[in-house]
Amino acid sequence: MSTDKKRNNVKNLIEKGHITTLREILEYYQITPIIKYMKSSHQRLTRYFNNATLFRFGEIQKLGAFFDVDDKFMFELVYNQLQEDKELKKKKKAAAKKD
């Protein structure tokens, strides 16, 4: 499948709500073209995708431009990931208290 088709598929998945966090983008699209577009390193972007708080607003907008997705959808992905991480942290904390 060509890169443009994959990118378009990710765009559709984001807009339809099937991709709900930034992390999930990497399940459907390779990071290498994103690295080249954003002029970043593999290590840095991987860390950012796993910890959305590290992304700057402009970087999120640039990522949205790469997939031709409206900023609103991209910021929703960030918000959803932050909420998911918060819930996970609560569960880990509760499990640690039980021990």
Protein backbone atom coordinates (compact mmCIF):
# COMPACT_ATOMS: atom_id res chain seq x y z
CA MET A 1 0.00 0.00 0.00
CA SER A 2 1.39 3.41 -0.88
CA THR A 3 2.33 5.95 1.76
CA ASP A 4 -0.42 8.33 0.64
CA LYS A 5 -3.07 5.63 1.03
CA LYS A 6 -1.79 4.73 4.50
CA ARG A 7 -1.75 8.38 5.50
CA ASN A 8 -5.30 8.80 4.20
CA ASN A 9 -6.40 5.68 6.11
CA VAL A 10 -4.98 7.13 9.34
CA LYS A 11 -6.75 10.42 8.63
CA ASN A 12 -10.07 8.58 8.23
CA LEU A 13 -9.49 6.53 11.37
CA ILE A 14 -8.78 9.68 13.39
CA GLU A 15 -11.77 11.58 12.04
CA LYS A 16 -14.13 8.63 12.62
CA GLY A 17 -12.88 8.13 16.18
CA HIS A 18 -11.23 4.73 15.71
CA ILE A 19 -7.85 6.16 16.67
CA THR A 20 -8.36 7.81 20.06
CA THR A 21 -4.81 8.58 21.28
CA LEU A 22 -1.58 9.75 19.71
CA ARG A 23 0.06 6.42 20.59
CA GLU A 24 -2.42 4.56 18.42
CA ILE A 25 -1.25 6.40 15.30
CA LEU A 26 1.95 4.36 15.42
CA GLU A 27 -0.06 1.14 15.30
CA TYR A 28 -1.27 2.11 11.82
CA TYR A 29 1.54 4.23 10.41
CA GLN A 30 5.32 3.94 10.49
CA ILE A 31 7.19 6.62 12.40
CA THR A 32 9.94 7.14 9.78
CA PRO A 33 7.95 9.38 7.38
CA ILE A 34 6.69 11.38 10.37
CA ILE A 35 10.28 11.83 11.60
CA LYS A 36 11.34 13.17 8.20
CA TYR A 37 8.35 15.51 7.93
CA MET A 38 8.79 16.89 11.44
CA LYS A 39 12.60 16.99 11.13
CA SER A 40 13.07 15.14 14.40
CA SER A 41 14.79 12.03 15.69
CA HIS A 42 13.30 8.58 16.21
CA GLN A 43 14.10 8.60 19.92
CA ARG A 44 12.54 12.03 20.51
CA LEU A 45 9.30 11.35 18.62
CA THR A 46 8.86 7.92 20.16
CA ARG A 47 9.22 9.49 23.61
CA TYR A 48 6.74 12.22 22.67
CA PHE A 49 4.16 9.76 21.34
CA ASN A 50 4.40 7.84 24.62
CA ASN A 51 4.23 11.00 26.75
CA ALA A 52 1.93 13.50 25.05
CA THR A 53 2.74 16.25 27.57
CA LEU A 54 6.11 16.68 25.85
CA PHE A 55 4.55 17.79 22.55
CA ARG A 56 4.29 21.52 21.91
CA PHE A 57 1.15 22.97 20.35
CA GLY A 58 2.94 23.72 17.09
CA GLU A 59 4.22 20.16 16.86
CA ILE A 60 0.73 18.77 17.33
CA GLN A 61 -0.55 21.08 14.62
CA LYS A 62 2.30 20.03 12.32
CA LEU A 63 1.48 16.37 12.97
CA GLY A 64 -2.14 17.14 12.09
CA ALA A 65 -1.01 18.82 8.88
CA PHE A 66 1.00 15.70 7.99
CA PHE A 67 -2.18 13.61 8.13
CA ASP A 68 -4.36 16.48 6.85
CA VAL A 69 -6.44 16.34 10.04
CA ASP A 70 -8.05 19.34 11.71
CA ASP A 71 -6.30 20.63 14.84
CA LYS A 72 -9.41 19.88 16.91
CA PHE A 73 -9.03 16.14 16.27
CA MET A 74 -5.34 16.21 17.12
CA PHE A 75 -5.91 18.00 20.41
CA GLU A 76 -8.65 15.48 21.24
CA LEU A 77 -6.10 12.69 20.74
CA VAL A 78 -3.75 14.43 23.16
CA TYR A 79 -6.53 14.97 25.70
CA ASN A 80 -7.67 11.34 25.45
CA GLN A 81 -4.12 10.10 25.95
CA LEU A 82 -3.63 12.33 28.99
CA GLN A 83 -6.86 11.02 30.51
CA GLU A 84 -5.86 7.43 29.76
CA ASP A 85 -2.45 7.97 31.37
CA LYS A 86 -4.08 9.55 34.42
CA GLU A 87 -6.38 6.55 34.88
CA LEU A 88 -3.47 4.16 34.50
CA LYS A 89 -1.48 6.07 37.09
CA LYS A 90 -4.42 5.90 39.53
CA LYS A 91 -4.70 2.13 39.03
CA LYS A 92 -0.98 1.63 39.62
CA LYS A 93 -1.13 3.77 42.75
CA ALA A 94 -4.13 1.84 44.08
CA ALA A 95 -2.40 -1.48 43.36
CA ALA A 96 0.74 -0.29 45.18
CA LYS A 97 -1.33 0.65 48.26
CA LYS A 98 -2.82 -2.85 48.41
CA ASP A 99 0.65 -4.37 48.65
